[in-house]
Protein backbone atom coordinates (compact mmCIF):
# COMPACT_ATOMS: atom_id res chain seq x y z
CA MET A 1 -18.30 79.43 -176.58
CA MET A 2 -19.16 78.42 -179.95
CA ASN A 3 -20.32 74.73 -180.04
CA SER A 4 -21.94 74.40 -183.47
CA GLN A 5 -20.23 73.19 -186.56
CA VAL A 6 -22.49 75.04 -188.72
CA ALA A 7 -21.77 78.74 -187.07
CA ARG A 8 -17.69 77.73 -187.26
CA ARG A 9 -18.21 77.39 -191.13
CA LEU A 10 -20.16 80.82 -191.15
CA VAL A 11 -17.62 82.44 -189.51
CA LYS A 12 -15.20 81.41 -191.95
CA LYS A 13 -17.27 81.62 -194.89
CA LEU A 14 -18.66 85.26 -194.20
CA ALA A 15 -15.30 86.43 -192.54
CA LEU A 16 -16.79 87.07 -189.36
CA GLU A 17 -14.85 89.13 -186.67
CA LYS A 18 -15.23 88.63 -183.05
CA HIS A 19 -17.44 91.92 -181.76
CA SER A 20 -16.81 93.96 -178.75
CA GLU A 21 -20.61 93.41 -177.54
CA GLY A 22 -20.29 89.69 -177.98
CA GLY A 23 -20.71 87.26 -180.85
CA TYR A 24 -19.30 87.81 -184.06
CA PHE A 25 -19.90 90.21 -187.17
CA LYS A 26 -19.01 91.96 -190.60
CA GLN A 27 -20.04 95.00 -192.39
CA THR A 28 -21.39 94.28 -195.68
CA TYR A 29 -22.82 97.55 -196.71
CA ARG A 30 -22.12 101.46 -196.31
CA SER A 31 -23.53 103.87 -198.14
CA ASP A 32 -21.64 106.54 -200.16
CA THR A 33 -24.37 109.10 -199.63
CA MET A 34 -23.45 111.42 -196.42
CA VAL A 35 -26.40 113.05 -194.59
CA ASN A 36 -26.04 115.71 -191.88
CA VAL A 37 -28.40 114.72 -188.76
CA GLU A 38 -29.22 117.34 -185.93
CA GLY A 39 -27.52 116.39 -183.09
CA PHE A 40 -24.99 114.37 -184.48
CA ASP A 41 -21.18 115.72 -184.42
CA GLY A 42 -20.93 115.17 -188.17
CA PRO A 43 -22.00 113.64 -191.35
CA ARG A 44 -23.22 110.26 -191.34
CA SER A 45 -23.78 107.26 -193.92
CA ILE A 46 -27.48 107.09 -194.92
CA ALA A 47 -27.44 103.66 -194.22
CA THR A 48 -25.05 100.52 -192.92
CA ALA A 49 -25.70 96.94 -192.78
CA ILE A 50 -23.86 93.98 -191.34
CA TYR A 51 -24.16 90.23 -190.50
CA TYR A 52 -24.27 89.18 -187.02
CA MET A 53 -23.91 85.79 -185.31
CA LEU A 54 -24.45 84.52 -181.91
CA ALA A 55 -23.52 80.91 -181.08
CA GLY A 56 -23.63 78.81 -177.83
CA ASP A 57 -23.33 80.89 -174.93
CA GLN A 58 -22.60 84.21 -176.51
CA PHE A 59 -24.66 87.10 -175.85
CA SER A 60 -25.06 90.74 -177.31
CA ALA A 61 -24.53 92.76 -174.19
CA PHE A 62 -26.74 95.55 -173.36
CA HIS A 63 -25.95 98.78 -175.61
CA ARG A 64 -27.65 101.30 -177.14
CA ILE A 65 -26.90 103.60 -180.53
CA ARG A 66 -28.13 107.08 -181.65
CA SER A 67 -29.97 105.55 -185.20
CA ASP A 68 -32.80 103.34 -185.51
CA GLU A 69 -31.56 99.61 -185.89
CA ILE A 70 -33.38 96.87 -188.03
CA TRP A 71 -32.63 93.01 -186.62
CA HIS A 72 -33.43 90.37 -189.63
CA HIS A 73 -33.20 86.67 -189.10
CA TYR A 74 -31.46 84.92 -191.85
CA ALA A 75 -30.48 81.40 -190.15
CA GLY A 76 -30.32 78.99 -187.31
CA GLY A 77 -32.37 79.28 -183.97
CA SER A 78 -34.40 82.12 -182.21
CA ILE A 79 -32.76 84.83 -179.92
CA THR A 80 -34.69 86.61 -177.50
CA LEU A 81 -33.84 90.65 -177.91
CA TYR A 82 -34.46 92.66 -174.64
CA THR A 83 -34.95 96.16 -174.46
CA ILE A 84 -35.19 98.96 -171.75
CA ASP A 85 -37.21 102.13 -173.35
CA ASP A 86 -36.27 105.23 -171.33
CA LYS A 87 -39.10 107.10 -173.17
CA ASP A 88 -41.51 104.60 -171.44
CA GLY A 89 -40.58 104.70 -167.92
CA GLY A 90 -37.54 102.28 -168.22
CA ARG A 91 -40.12 99.56 -169.26
CA LEU A 92 -38.56 95.91 -170.02
CA SER A 93 -39.85 94.09 -173.45
CA LYS A 94 -38.58 91.28 -175.05
CA VAL A 95 -39.16 89.92 -178.32
CA LYS A 96 -38.39 86.54 -179.91
CA ILE A 97 -36.65 86.62 -183.49
CA GLY A 98 -36.31 83.97 -185.75
CA GLY A 99 -37.42 79.97 -184.98
CA LYS A 100 -40.76 78.68 -184.23
CA GLY A 101 -43.13 81.61 -182.89
CA GLY A 102 -40.60 84.28 -183.60
CA ILE A 103 -40.66 87.27 -185.83
CA PRO A 104 -38.24 87.56 -188.70
CA GLN A 105 -37.79 91.35 -188.20
CA VAL A 106 -37.72 93.73 -185.32
CA VAL A 107 -37.14 97.52 -185.06
CA ILE A 108 -34.90 99.12 -182.32
CA LYS A 109 -35.40 102.88 -181.60
CA ALA A 110 -32.45 105.18 -181.41
CA GLY A 111 -31.28 105.53 -178.01
CA THR A 112 -32.96 102.25 -176.67
CA TRP A 113 -30.79 99.85 -174.48
CA PHE A 114 -30.73 96.39 -175.71
CA ALA A 115 -29.03 92.74 -175.54
CA ALA A 116 -29.50 89.56 -177.19
CA ALA A 117 -29.07 85.75 -176.20
CA LEU A 118 -29.90 82.62 -177.93
CA ASP A 119 -32.94 80.87 -176.76
CA ASN A 120 -30.93 77.35 -177.31
CA ARG A 121 -27.21 77.83 -176.19
CA LYS A 122 -26.62 74.32 -178.42
CA SER A 123 -27.77 76.45 -181.40
CA TYR A 124 -26.75 79.54 -183.38
CA CYS A 125 -28.30 82.52 -185.15
CA LEU A 126 -27.34 84.14 -188.14
CA LEU A 127 -28.91 87.75 -188.33
CA GLY A 128 -28.63 91.19 -190.37
CA CYS A 129 -28.57 94.39 -188.65
CA THR A 130 -29.33 97.48 -190.68
CA VAL A 131 -28.86 101.07 -189.10
CA SER A 132 -30.11 104.63 -190.63
CA PRO A 133 -28.46 107.00 -190.59
CA GLY A 134 -25.59 104.76 -190.73
CA PHE A 135 -23.77 103.28 -187.55
CA ASP A 136 -20.94 104.92 -186.34
CA TYR A 137 -18.65 103.90 -183.04
CA ARG A 138 -19.01 107.66 -182.07
CA ASP A 139 -23.20 106.93 -181.61
CA TRP A 140 -22.41 103.53 -180.06
CA GLU A 141 -22.36 102.95 -176.14
CA LEU A 142 -21.85 99.65 -174.06
CA GLY A 143 -23.93 99.83 -171.04
CA LYS A 144 -22.03 99.62 -167.57
CA ARG A 145 -23.36 97.12 -165.48
CA ASP A 146 -23.30 99.51 -162.09
CA GLU A 147 -24.99 102.51 -163.71
CA LEU A 148 -27.64 100.73 -165.72
CA ILE A 149 -28.55 98.66 -162.42
CA ARG A 150 -28.66 102.55 -161.00
CA MET A 151 -31.24 103.33 -163.35
CA TYR A 152 -33.10 100.35 -163.60
CA PRO A 153 -32.96 98.38 -160.39
CA GLN A 154 -36.06 96.80 -161.25
CA HIS A 155 -34.35 94.86 -164.05
CA ARG A 156 -31.38 94.19 -162.04
CA LYS A 157 -31.12 90.31 -163.02
CA ILE A 158 -31.54 91.01 -166.75
CA ILE A 159 -28.62 93.57 -166.39
CA GLU A 160 -26.56 91.34 -164.26
CA ARG A 161 -26.79 88.42 -166.85
CA TYR A 162 -26.20 90.54 -170.30
CA THR A 163 -23.77 93.10 -169.36
CA LYS A 164 -19.78 92.54 -169.47
């Protein structure tokens, strides 16, 4: 539910659309330069960028992509980004982006499971996400609750909270 007038205005002004992982987005950049990357099934843009916004009780459900992704805070309150790193024994980390005490930018390494939620559900957060090699839905995987719990039973509560 989106309960902020500012958030509603931003959805309209920026022509944001609902995202399947939660929140709203709009692609703002896709490089015309293509690159072949080992392990990918075809060429990808060198980079892509989107606006991404959460408002009210929305969250970005656990997902992962095959590229590095940089989240940038633009406006509104802070979010907490949760990551589960396979390369570090399934360690759960969290980082605050934006707002008082938060950082303005964070890099999520390729293949890392991650989710995000507002710290204040009466607020909104407008962010940018830059992906390189560029985002392609062939490289995106939405986490399945049962599978993630089976892989990371120690993180059951957070997985249940941030999966659909």
